[in-house]
Amino acid sequence: MNASPLPALHRSETVASACLVFAIWLLLGCLGPGVLQAKPKTDKFEGTVVVVGPKAITVKSRNNIYLVRTFHYSPQLEKKILRKKPETGKKVTVHHVRGSDLALKVD
């Protein structure tokens, strides 16, 4: 009895599919989930410092005297601010995550 090529073809497709799945799994595992996530969009808020605390900074807008915002620090920024706090009344630019009050950088 002759063996038909169909089982061999089916087996090679299965092996190829398994190799492809393994390669994708390996690629995602090595790169990690952080590579696949996009960086959050950021905005700037320019103004003068009203209050600097250990967890947040309050800034009054340069353009609108009635606009005052408080931003909480990211963990990296918190360490930096604890070392060197901006003085009250100093002009600063706060880089924050769009749509939130999380400050990423204070210039």
PDB file of N, CA and C in Angstrom:
ATOM      1  N   MET A   1       0.826  -1.171   0.000  1.00  0.00           N
ATOM      2  CA  MET A   1       0.000   0.000   0.000  1.00  0.00           C
ATOM      3  C   MET A   1       0.874   1.238   0.000  1.00  0.00           C
ATOM      4  N   ASN A   2       0.596   2.156  -0.893  1.00  0.00           N
ATOM      5  CA  ASN A   2       1.365   3.405  -0.982  1.00  0.00           C
ATOM      6  C   ASN A   2       0.785   4.445  -0.018  1.00  0.00           C
ATOM      7  N   ALA A   3       1.682   5.127   0.639  1.00  0.00           N
ATOM      8  CA  ALA A   3       1.244   6.199   1.546  1.00  0.00           C
ATOM      9  C   ALA A   3       0.979   7.442   0.710  1.00  0.00           C
ATOM     10  N   SER A   4      -0.139   8.077   0.972  1.00  0.00           N
ATOM     11  CA  SER A   4      -0.469   9.272   0.194  1.00  0.00           C
ATOM     12  C   SER A   4       0.312  10.469   0.749  1.00  0.00           C
ATOM     13  N   PRO A   5       0.582  11.472  -0.091  1.00  0.00           N
ATOM     14  CA  PRO A   5       1.337  12.647   0.358  1.00  0.00           C
ATOM     15  C   PRO A   5       0.503  13.560   1.261  1.00  0.00           C
ATOM     16  N   LEU A   6      -0.798  13.336   1.350  1.00  0.00           N
ATOM     17  CA  LEU A   6      -1.668  14.204   2.135  1.00  0.00           C
ATOM     18  C   LEU A   6      -1.288  14.221   3.617  1.00  0.00           C
ATOM     19  N   PRO A   7      -1.075  13.087   4.276  1.00  0.00           N
ATOM     20  CA  PRO A   7      -0.679  13.159   5.694  1.00  0.00           C
ATOM     21  C   PRO A   7       0.655  13.875   5.892  1.00  0.00           C
ATOM     22  N   ALA A   8       1.603  13.698   4.989  1.00  0.00           N
ATOM     23  CA  ALA A   8       2.892  14.372   5.109  1.00  0.00           C
ATOM     24  C   ALA A   8       2.710  15.882   4.955  1.00  0.00           C
ATOM     25  N   LEU A   9       1.852  16.294   4.020  1.00  0.00           N
ATOM     26  CA  LEU A   9       1.595  17.706   3.810  1.00  0.00           C
ATOM     27  C   LEU A   9       0.922  18.292   5.050  1.00  0.00           C
ATOM     28  N   HIS A  10      -0.034  17.578   5.585  1.00  0.00           N
ATOM     29  CA  HIS A  10      -0.736  18.040   6.775  1.00  0.00           C
ATOM     30  C   HIS A  10       0.239  18.172   7.956  1.00  0.00           C
ATOM     31  N   ARG A  11       1.139  17.232   8.085  1.00  0.00           N
ATOM     32  CA  ARG A  11       2.116  17.238   9.163  1.00  0.00           C
ATOM     33  C   ARG A  11       3.063  18.429   9.016  1.00  0.00           C
ATOM     34  N   SER A  12       3.500  18.735   7.816  1.00  0.00           N
ATOM     35  CA  SER A  12       4.424  19.853   7.620  1.00  0.00           C
ATOM     36  C   SER A  12       3.732  21.190   7.889  1.00  0.00           C
ATOM     37  N   GLU A  13       2.445  21.296   7.542  1.00  0.00           N
ATOM     38  CA  GLU A  13       1.705  22.526   7.852  1.00  0.00           C
ATOM     39  C   GLU A  13       1.550  22.693   9.354  1.00  0.00           C
ATOM     40  N   THR A  14       1.318  21.589  10.048  1.00  0.00           N
ATOM     41  CA  THR A  14       1.179  21.638  11.495  1.00  0.00           C
ATOM     42  C   THR A  14       2.489  22.071  12.145  1.00  0.00           C
ATOM     43  N   VAL A  15       3.593  21.521  11.660  1.00  0.00           N
ATOM     44  CA  VAL A  15       4.906  21.878  12.194  1.00  0.00           C
ATOM     45  C   VAL A  15       5.205  23.351  11.907  1.00  0.00           C
ATOM     46  N   ALA A  16       4.881  23.808  10.713  1.00  0.00           N
ATOM     47  CA  ALA A  16       5.118  25.209  10.360  1.00  0.00           C
ATOM     48  C   ALA A  16       4.271  26.136  11.229  1.00  0.00           C
ATOM     49  N   SER A  17       3.030  25.776  11.469  1.00  0.00           N
ATOM     50  CA  SER A  17       2.157  26.584  12.327  1.00  0.00           C
ATOM     51  C   SER A  17       2.681  26.606  13.761  1.00  0.00           C
ATOM     52  N   ALA A  18       3.124  25.454  14.239  1.00  0.00           N
ATOM     53  CA  ALA A  18       3.657  25.385  15.594  1.00  0.00           C
ATOM     54  C   ALA A  18       4.924  26.231  15.716  1.00  0.00           C
ATOM     55  N   CYS A  19       5.778  26.203  14.712  1.00  0.00           N
ATOM     56  CA  CYS A  19       7.004  27.012  14.723  1.00  0.00           C
ATOM     57  C   CYS A  19       6.668  28.500  14.725  1.00  0.00           C
ATOM     58  N   LEU A  20       5.667  28.885  13.941  1.00  0.00           N
ATOM     59  CA  LEU A  20       5.257  30.287  13.876  1.00  0.00           C
ATOM     60  C   LEU A  20       4.702  30.745  15.222  1.00  0.00           C
ATOM     61  N   VAL A  21       3.865  29.943  15.828  1.00  0.00           N
ATOM     62  CA  VAL A  21       3.301  30.283  17.145  1.00  0.00           C
ATOM     63  C   VAL A  21       4.414  30.383  18.177  1.00  0.00           C
ATOM     64  N   PHE A  22       5.361  29.452  18.158  1.00  0.00           N
ATOM     65  CA  PHE A  22       6.477  29.480  19.097  1.00  0.00           C
ATOM     66  C   PHE A  22       7.344  30.715  18.891  1.00  0.00           C
ATOM     67  N   ALA A  23       7.591  31.081  17.637  1.00  0.00           N
ATOM     68  CA  ALA A  23       8.412  32.261  17.344  1.00  0.00           C
ATOM     69  C   ALA A  23       7.736  33.537  17.852  1.00  0.00           C
ATOM     70  N   ILE A  24       6.447  33.643  17.659  1.00  0.00           N
ATOM     71  CA  ILE A  24       5.714  34.824  18.147  1.00  0.00           C
ATOM     72  C   ILE A  24       5.737  34.853  19.668  1.00  0.00           C
ATOM     73  N   TRP A  25       5.508  33.714  20.306  1.00  0.00           N
ATOM     74  CA  TRP A  25       5.535  33.643  21.763  1.00  0.00           C
ATOM     75  C   TRP A  25       6.919  34.023  22.292  1.00  0.00           C
ATOM     76  N   LEU A  26       7.969  33.530  21.644  1.00  0.00           N
ATOM     77  CA  LEU A  26       9.332  33.822  22.059  1.00  0.00           C
ATOM     78  C   LEU A  26       9.640  35.305  21.878  1.00  0.00           C
ATOM     79  N   LEU A  27       9.221  35.886  20.774  1.00  0.00           N
ATOM     80  CA  LEU A  27       9.457  37.297  20.495  1.00  0.00           C
ATOM     81  C   LEU A  27       8.762  38.171  21.529  1.00  0.00           C
ATOM     82  N   LEU A  28       7.515  37.870  21.829  1.00  0.00           N
ATOM     83  CA  LEU A  28       6.783  38.659  22.814  1.00  0.00           C
ATOM     84  C   LEU A  28       7.350  38.466  24.213  1.00  0.00           C
ATOM     85  N   GLY A  29       7.815  37.288  24.510  1.00  0.00           N
ATOM     86  CA  GLY A  29       8.394  37.028  25.823  1.00  0.00           C
ATOM     87  C   GLY A  29       9.714  37.748  26.025  1.00  0.00           C
ATOM     88  N   CYS A  30      10.533  37.813  24.988  1.00  0.00           N
ATOM     89  CA  CYS A  30      11.831  38.482  25.093  1.00  0.00           C
ATOM     90  C   CYS A  30      11.677  40.000  25.140  1.00  0.00           C
ATOM     91  N   LEU A  31      10.788  40.538  24.337  1.00  0.00           N
ATOM     92  CA  LEU A  31      10.631  41.978  24.288  1.00  0.00           C
ATOM     93  C   LEU A  31       9.872  42.509  25.483  1.00  0.00           C
ATOM     94  N   GLY A  32       8.964  41.726  25.995  1.00  0.00           N
ATOM     95  CA  GLY A  32       8.183  42.149  27.146  1.00  0.00           C
ATOM     96  C   GLY A  32       6.986  42.970  26.722  1.00  0.00           C
ATOM     97  N   PRO A  33       6.031  43.115  27.613  1.00  0.00           N
ATOM     98  CA  PRO A  33       4.810  43.857  27.278  1.00  0.00           C
ATOM     99  C   PRO A  33       5.036  45.359  27.177  1.00  0.00           C
ATOM    100  N   GLY A  34       6.099  45.883  27.787  1.00  0.00           N
ATOM    101  CA  GLY A  34       6.354  47.321  27.748  1.00  0.00           C
ATOM    102  C   GLY A  34       6.664  47.838  26.354  1.00  0.00           C
ATOM    103  N   VAL A  35       7.231  47.000  25.506  1.00  0.00           N
ATOM    104  CA  VAL A  35       7.580  47.429  24.159  1.00  0.00           C
ATOM    105  C   VAL A  35       6.331  47.619  23.306  1.00  0.00           C
ATOM    106  N   LEU A  36       5.308  46.835  23.581  1.00  0.00           N
ATOM    107  CA  LEU A  36       4.114  46.895  22.759  1.00  0.00           C
ATOM    108  C   LEU A  36       3.192  48.051  23.138  1.00  0.00           C
ATOM    109  N   GLN A  37       3.370  48.634  24.333  1.00  0.00           N
ATOM    110  CA  GLN A  37       2.517  49.726  24.762  1.00  0.00           C
ATOM    111  C   GLN A  37       3.083  51.051  24.263  1.00  0.00           C
ATOM    112  N   ALA A  38       2.202  51.917  23.808  1.00  0.00           N
ATOM    113  CA  ALA A  38       2.624  53.227  23.335  1.00  0.00           C
ATOM    114  C   ALA A  38       2.870  54.138  24.526  1.00  0.00           C
ATOM    115  N   LYS A  39       3.775  55.089  24.347  1.00  0.00           N
ATOM    116  CA  LYS A  39       4.013  56.071  25.394  1.00  0.00           C
ATOM    117  C   LYS A  39       2.795  56.967  25.505  1.00  0.00           C
ATOM    118  N   PRO A  40       2.469  57.383  26.725  1.00  0.00           N
ATOM    119  CA  PRO A  40       1.310  58.265  26.874  1.00  0.00           C
ATOM    120  C   PRO A  40       1.604  59.647  26.290  1.00  0.00           C
ATOM    121  N   LYS A  41       0.589  60.265  25.739  1.00  0.00           N
ATOM    122  CA  LYS A  41       0.744  61.607  25.191  1.00  0.00           C
ATOM    123  C   LYS A  41       0.888  62.583  26.348  1.00  0.00           C
ATOM    124  N   THR A  42       1.696  63.609  26.144  1.00  0.00           N
ATOM    125  CA  THR A  42       1.939  64.579  27.203  1.00  0.00           C
ATOM    126  C   THR A  42       1.549  65.981  26.751  1.00  0.00           C
ATOM    127  N   ASP A  43       1.243  66.812  27.740  1.00  0.00           N
ATOM    128  CA  ASP A  43       0.952  68.224  27.526  1.00  0.00           C
ATOM    129  C   ASP A  43       1.843  69.033  28.444  1.00  0.00           C
ATOM    130  N   LYS A  44       1.895  70.343  28.207  1.00  0.00           N
ATOM    131  CA  LYS A  44       2.673  71.250  29.037  1.00  0.00           C
ATOM    132  C   LYS A  44       1.734  72.240  29.710  1.00  0.00           C
ATOM    133  N   PHE A  45       2.079  72.593  30.933  1.00  0.00           N
ATOM    134  CA  PHE A  45       1.349  73.635  31.658  1.00  0.00           C
ATOM    135  C   PHE A  45       2.399  74.605  32.191  1.00  0.00           C
ATOM    136  N   GLU A  46       2.329  75.857  31.720  1.00  0.00           N
ATOM    137  CA  GLU A  46       3.308  76.859  32.104  1.00  0.00           C
ATOM    138  C   GLU A  46       2.709  77.795  33.135  1.00  0.00           C
ATOM    139  N   GLY A  47       3.509  78.118  34.150  1.00  0.00           N
ATOM    140  CA  GLY A  47       3.024  79.028  35.172  1.00  0.00           C
ATOM    141  C   GLY A  47       4.049  79.261  36.248  1.00  0.00           C
ATOM    142  N   THR A  48       3.577  79.793  37.373  1.00  0.00           N
ATOM    143  CA  THR A  48       4.451  80.063  38.508  1.00  0.00           C
ATOM    144  C   THR A  48       4.061  79.150  39.671  1.00  0.00           C
ATOM    145  N   VAL A  49       5.060  78.752  40.429  1.00  0.00           N
ATOM    146  CA  VAL A  49       4.850  77.825  41.541  1.00  0.00           C
ATOM    147  C   VAL A  49       4.111  78.530  42.670  1.00  0.00           C
ATOM    148  N   VAL A  50       3.040  77.898  43.145  1.00  0.00           N
ATOM    149  CA  VAL A  50       2.298  78.399  44.301  1.00  0.00           C
ATOM    150  C   VAL A  50       2.740  77.629  45.545  1.00  0.00           C
ATOM    151  N   VAL A  51       2.702  76.291  45.472  1.00  0.00           N
ATOM    152  CA  VAL A  51       3.082  75.431  46.599  1.00  0.00           C
ATOM    153  C   VAL A  51       3.824  74.215  46.063  1.00  0.00           C
ATOM    154  N   VAL A  52       4.889  73.823  46.768  1.00  0.00           N
ATOM    155  CA  VAL A  52       5.604  72.587  46.449  1.00  0.00           C
ATOM    156  C   VAL A  52       5.543  71.697  47.681  1.00  0.00           C
ATOM    157  N   GLY A  53       4.997  70.507  47.518  1.00  0.00           N
ATOM    158  CA  GLY A  53       4.919  69.553  48.616  1.00  0.00           C
ATOM    159  C   GLY A  53       5.691  68.297  48.288  1.00  0.00           C
ATOM    160  N   PRO A  54       5.704  67.322  49.197  1.00  0.00           N
ATOM    161  CA  PRO A  54       6.435  66.086  48.957  1.00  0.00           C
ATOM    162  C   PRO A  54       5.769  65.172  47.923  1.00  0.00           C
ATOM    163  N   LYS A  55       4.475  65.369  47.669  1.00  0.00           N
ATOM    164  CA  LYS A  55       3.748  64.506  46.735  1.00  0.00           C
ATOM    165  C   LYS A  55       3.148  65.247  45.546  1.00  0.00           C
ATOM    166  N   ALA A  56       3.065  66.582  45.608  1.00  0.00           N
ATOM    167  CA  ALA A  56       2.397  67.332  44.539  1.00  0.00           C
ATOM    168  C   ALA A  56       2.937  68.757  44.461  1.00  0.00           C
ATOM    169  N   ILE A  57       2.671  69.384  43.314  1.00  0.00           N
ATOM    170  CA  ILE A  57       3.049  70.772  43.082  1.00  0.00           C
ATOM    171  C   ILE A  57       1.815  71.513  42.565  1.00  0.00           C
ATOM    172  N   THR A  58       1.620  72.734  43.042  1.00  0.00           N
ATOM    173  CA  THR A  58       0.510  73.563  42.597  1.00  0.00           C
ATOM    174  C   THR A  58       1.083  74.732  41.817  1.00  0.00           C
ATOM    175  N   VAL A  59       0.530  74.948  40.612  1.00  0.00           N
ATOM    176  CA  VAL A  59       1.054  75.956  39.696  1.00  0.00           C
ATOM    177  C   VAL A  59      -0.082  76.839  39.204  1.00  0.00           C
ATOM    178  N   LYS A  60       0.175  78.163  39.179  1.00  0.00           N
ATOM    179  CA  LYS A  60      -0.788  79.132  38.659  1.00  0.00           C
ATOM    180  C   LYS A  60      -0.409  79.436  37.217  1.00  0.00           C
ATOM    181  N   SER A  61      -1.379  79.431  36.318  1.00  0.00           N
ATOM    182  CA  SER A  61      -1.143  79.623  34.896  1.00  0.00           C
ATOM    183  C   SER A  61      -0.561  81.002  34.603  1.00  0.00           C
ATOM    184  N   ARG A  62       0.311  81.065  33.601  1.00  0.00           N
ATOM    185  CA  ARG A  62       0.868  82.345  33.143  1.00  0.00           C
ATOM    186  C   ARG A  62      -0.163  83.143  32.361  1.00  0.00           C
ATOM    187  N   ASN A  63      -1.025  82.440  31.628  1.00  0.00           N
ATOM    188  CA  ASN A  63      -1.969  83.100  30.719  1.00  0.00           C
ATOM    189  C   ASN A  63      -3.296  83.449  31.364  1.00  0.00           C
ATOM    190  N   ASN A  64      -3.727  82.675  32.357  1.00  0.00           N
ATOM    191  CA  ASN A  64      -5.031  82.865  32.975  1.00  0.00           C
ATOM    192  C   ASN A  64      -4.845  82.914  34.492  1.00  0.00           C
ATOM    193  N   ILE A  65      -5.027  84.091  35.091  1.00  0.00           N
ATOM    194  CA  ILE A  65      -4.754  84.244  36.522  1.00  0.00           C
ATOM    195  C   ILE A  65      -5.723  83.454  37.392  1.00  0.00           C
ATOM    196  N   TYR A  66      -6.841  83.040  36.828  1.00  0.00           N
ATOM    197  CA  TYR A  66      -7.837  82.282  37.587  1.00  0.00           C
ATOM    198  C   TYR A  66      -7.622  80.770  37.509  1.00  0.00           C
ATOM    199  N   LEU A  67      -6.676  80.328  36.702  1.00  0.00           N
ATOM    200  CA  LEU A  67      -6.428  78.897  36.509  1.00  0.00           C
ATOM    201  C   LEU A  67      -5.249  78.451  37.368  1.00  0.00           C
ATOM    202  N   VAL A  68      -5.542  77.593  38.332  1.00  0.00           N
ATOM    203  CA  VAL A  68      -4.521  77.019  39.210  1.00  0.00           C
ATOM    204  C   VAL A  68      -4.699  75.506  39.168  1.00  0.00           C
ATOM    205  N   ARG A  69      -3.593  74.787  38.940  1.00  0.00           N
ATOM    206  CA  ARG A  69      -3.662  73.320  38.851  1.00  0.00           C
ATOM    207  C   ARG A  69      -2.660  72.686  39.801  1.00  0.00           C
ATOM    208  N   THR A  70      -3.041  71.531  40.327  1.00  0.00           N
ATOM    209  CA  THR A  70      -2.172  70.741  41.192  1.00  0.00           C
ATOM    210  C   THR A  70      -1.834  69.451  40.467  1.00  0.00           C
ATOM    211  N   PHE A  71      -0.557  69.126  40.420  1.00  0.00           N
ATOM    212  CA  PHE A  71      -0.069  67.923  39.744  1.00  0.00           C
ATOM    213  C   PHE A  71       0.618  67.020  40.760  1.00  0.00           C
ATOM    214  N   HIS A  72       0.309  65.732  40.699  1.00  0.00           N
ATOM    215  CA  HIS A  72       0.989  64.736  41.514  1.00  0.00           C
ATOM    216  C   HIS A  72       2.218  64.265  40.754  1.00  0.00           C
ATOM    217  N   TYR A  73       3.282  63.934  41.480  1.00  0.00           N
ATOM    218  CA  TYR A  73       4.541  63.530  40.849  1.00  0.00           C
ATOM    219  C   TYR A  73       4.523  62.064  40.440  1.00  0.00           C
ATOM    220  N   SER A  74       5.205  61.768  39.335  1.00  0.00           N
ATOM    221  CA  SER A  74       5.498  60.375  39.003  1.00  0.00           C
ATOM    222  C   SER A  74       6.579  59.909  39.977  1.00  0.00           C
ATOM    223  N   PRO A  75       6.781  58.597  40.156  1.00  0.00           N
ATOM    224  CA  PRO A  75       7.804  58.127  41.112  1.00  0.00           C
ATOM    225  C   PRO A  75       9.215  58.664  40.818  1.00  0.00           C
ATOM    226  N   GLN A  76       9.584  58.760  39.541  1.00  0.00           N
ATOM    227  CA  GLN A  76      10.907  59.273  39.199  1.00  0.00           C
ATOM    228  C   GLN A  76      11.014  60.758  39.523  1.00  0.00           C
ATOM    229  N   LEU A  77       9.962  61.505  39.222  1.00  0.00           N
ATOM    230  CA  LEU A  77       9.975  62.947  39.488  1.00  0.00           C
ATOM    231  C   LEU A  77       9.945  63.218  40.988  1.00  0.00           C
ATOM    232  N   GLU A  78       9.265  62.389  41.748  1.00  0.00           N
ATOM    233  CA  GLU A  78       9.187  62.580  43.194  1.00  0.00           C
ATOM    234  C   GLU A  78      10.582  62.549  43.821  1.00  0.00           C
ATOM    235  N   LYS A  79      11.408  61.606  43.376  1.00  0.00           N
ATOM    236  CA  LYS A  79      12.785  61.516  43.884  1.00  0.00           C
ATOM    237  C   LYS A  79      13.574  62.772  43.537  1.00  0.00           C
ATOM    238  N   LYS A  80      13.389  63.266  42.311  1.00  0.00           N
ATOM    239  CA  LYS A  80      14.107  64.456  41.862  1.00  0.00           C
ATOM    240  C   LYS A  80      13.658  65.693  42.638  1.00  0.00           C
ATOM    241  N   ILE A  81      12.364  65.834  42.866  1.00  0.00           N
ATOM    242  CA  ILE A  81      11.824  66.995  43.573  1.00  0.00           C
ATOM    243  C   ILE A  81      12.264  66.989  45.036  1.00  0.00           C
ATOM    244  N   LEU A  82      12.356  65.803  45.643  1.00  0.00           N
ATOM    245  CA  LEU A  82      12.799  65.728  47.037  1.00  0.00           C
ATOM    246  C   LEU A  82      14.225  66.233  47.196  1.00  0.00           C
ATOM    247  N   ARG A  83      15.066  66.041  46.162  1.00  0.00           N
ATOM    248  CA  ARG A  83      16.443  66.524  46.209  1.00  0.00           C
ATOM    249  C   ARG A  83      16.518  68.032  46.027  1.00  0.00           C
ATOM    250  N   LYS A  84      15.720  68.564  45.074  1.00  0.00           N
ATOM    251  CA  LYS A  84      15.782  69.993  44.767  1.00  0.00           C
ATOM    252  C   LYS A  84      14.377  70.495  44.442  1.00  0.00           C
ATOM    253  N   LYS A  85      13.787  71.206  45.391  1.00  0.00           N
ATOM    254  CA  LYS A  85      12.437  71.736  45.213  1.00  0.00           C
ATOM    255  C   LYS A  85      12.501  73.095  44.512  1.00  0.00           C
ATOM    256  N   PRO A  86      11.592  73.338  43.554  1.00  0.00           N
ATOM    257  CA  PRO A  86      11.522  74.679  42.969  1.00  0.00           C
ATOM    258  C   PRO A  86      10.970  75.670  43.996  1.00  0.00           C
ATOM    259  N   GLU A  87      11.434  76.887  43.943  1.00  0.00           N
ATOM    260  CA  GLU A  87      11.009  77.907  44.899  1.00  0.00           C
ATOM    261  C   GLU A  87       9.636  78.452  44.543  1.00  0.00           C
ATOM    262  N   THR A  88       8.914  78.918  45.562  1.00  0.00           N
ATOM    263  CA  THR A  88       7.610  79.546  45.355  1.00  0.00           C
ATOM    264  C   THR A  88       7.802  80.809  44.520  1.00  0.00           C
ATOM    265  N   GLY A  89       6.945  80.997  43.523  1.00  0.00           N
ATOM    266  CA  GLY A  89       7.023  82.154  42.637  1.00  0.00           C
ATOM    267  C   GLY A  89       7.889  81.946  41.408  1.00  0.00           C
ATOM    268  N   LYS A  90       8.626  80.842  41.340  1.00  0.00           N
ATOM    269  CA  LYS A  90       9.492  80.557  40.198  1.00  0.00           C
ATOM    270  C   LYS A  90       8.649  80.136  38.996  1.00  0.00           C
ATOM    271  N   LYS A  91       9.037  80.579  37.801  1.00  0.00           N
ATOM    272  CA  LYS A  91       8.345  80.176  36.576  1.00  0.00           C
ATOM    273  C   LYS A  91       8.779  78.762  36.216  1.00  0.00           C
ATOM    274  N   VAL A  92       7.787  77.888  35.970  1.00  0.00           N
ATOM    275  CA  VAL A  92       8.062  76.490  35.634  1.00  0.00           C
ATOM    276  C   VAL A  92       7.169  76.039  34.491  1.00  0.00           C
ATOM    277  N   THR A  93       7.587  74.955  33.873  1.00  0.00           N
ATOM    278  CA  THR A  93       6.773  74.248  32.886  1.00  0.00           C
ATOM    279  C   THR A  93       6.606  72.823  33.385  1.00  0.00           C
ATOM    280  N   VAL A  94       5.363  72.413  33.564  1.00  0.00           N
ATOM    281  CA  VAL A  94       5.068  71.062  34.038  1.00  0.00           C
ATOM    282  C   VAL A  94       4.650  70.224  32.838  1.00  0.00           C
ATOM    283  N   HIS A  95       5.385  69.150  32.586  1.00  0.00           N
ATOM    284  CA  HIS A  95       5.031  68.195  31.534  1.00  0.00           C
ATOM    285  C   HIS A  95       4.205  67.108  32.205  1.00  0.00           C
ATOM    286  N   HIS A  96       2.956  66.932  31.756  1.00  0.00           N
ATOM    287  CA  HIS A  96       2.065  65.982  32.408  1.00  0.00           C
ATOM    288  C   HIS A  96       1.377  65.101  31.381  1.00  0.00           C
ATOM    289  N   VAL A  97       0.875  63.954  31.852  1.00  0.00           N
ATOM    290  CA  VAL A  97       0.144  63.023  30.988  1.00  0.00           C
ATOM    291  C   VAL A  97      -1.172  63.681  30.601  1.00  0.00           C
ATOM    292  N   ARG A  98      -1.473  63.662  29.311  1.00  0.00           N
ATOM    293  CA  ARG A  98      -2.687  64.295  28.796  1.00  0.00           C
ATOM    294  C   ARG A  98      -3.929  63.714  29.479  1.00  0.00           C
ATOM    295  N   GLY A  99      -4.774  64.613  29.954  1.00  0.00           N
ATOM    296  CA  GLY A  99      -6.032  64.198  30.572  1.00  0.00           C
ATOM    297  C   GLY A  99      -5.901  63.748  32.014  1.00  0.00           C
ATOM    298  N   SER A 100      -4.744  63.983  32.631  1.00  0.00           N
ATOM    299  CA  SER A 100      -4.574  63.590  34.031  1.00  0.00           C
ATOM    300  C   SER A 100      -3.771  64.657  34.771  1.00  0.00           C
ATOM    301  N   ASP A 101      -3.539  64.416  36.040  1.00  0.00           N
ATOM    302  CA  ASP A 101      -2.738  65.352  36.832  1.00  0.00           C
ATOM    303  C   ASP A 101      -1.404  64.751  37.226  1.00  0.00           C
ATOM    304  N   LEU A 102      -0.914  63.778  36.466  1.00  0.00           N
ATOM    305  CA  LEU A 102       0.361  63.125  36.753  1.00  0.00           C
ATOM    306  C   LEU A 102       1.491  63.873  36.057  1.00  0.00           C
ATOM    307  N   ALA A 103       2.343  64.527  36.843  1.00  0.00           N
ATOM    308  CA  ALA A 103       3.487  65.279  36.313  1.00  0.00           C
ATOM    309  C   ALA A 103       4.639  64.328  36.050  1.00  0.00           C
ATOM    310  N   LEU A 104       5.224  64.426  34.860  1.00  0.00           N
ATOM    311  CA  LEU A 104       6.366  63.599  34.495  1.00  0.00           C
ATOM    312  C   LEU A 104       7.684  64.357  34.598  1.00  0.00           C
ATOM    313  N   LYS A 105       7.612  65.685  34.425  1.00  0.00           N
ATOM    314  CA  LYS A 105       8.818  66.504  34.412  1.00  0.00           C
ATOM    315  C   LYS A 105       8.450  67.928  34.801  1.00  0.00           C
ATOM    316  N   VAL A 106       9.328  68.578  35.556  1.00  0.00           N
ATOM    317  CA  VAL A 106       9.140  69.984  35.904  1.00  0.00           C
ATOM    318  C   VAL A 106      10.415  70.714  35.505  1.00  0.00           C
ATOM    319  N   ASP A 107      10.276  71.675  34.607  1.00  0.00           N
ATOM    320  CA  ASP A 107      11.421  72.487  34.155  1.00  0.00           C
ATOM    321  C   ASP A 107      11.424  73.812  34.857  1.00  0.00           C
TER     322      ASP A 107
END
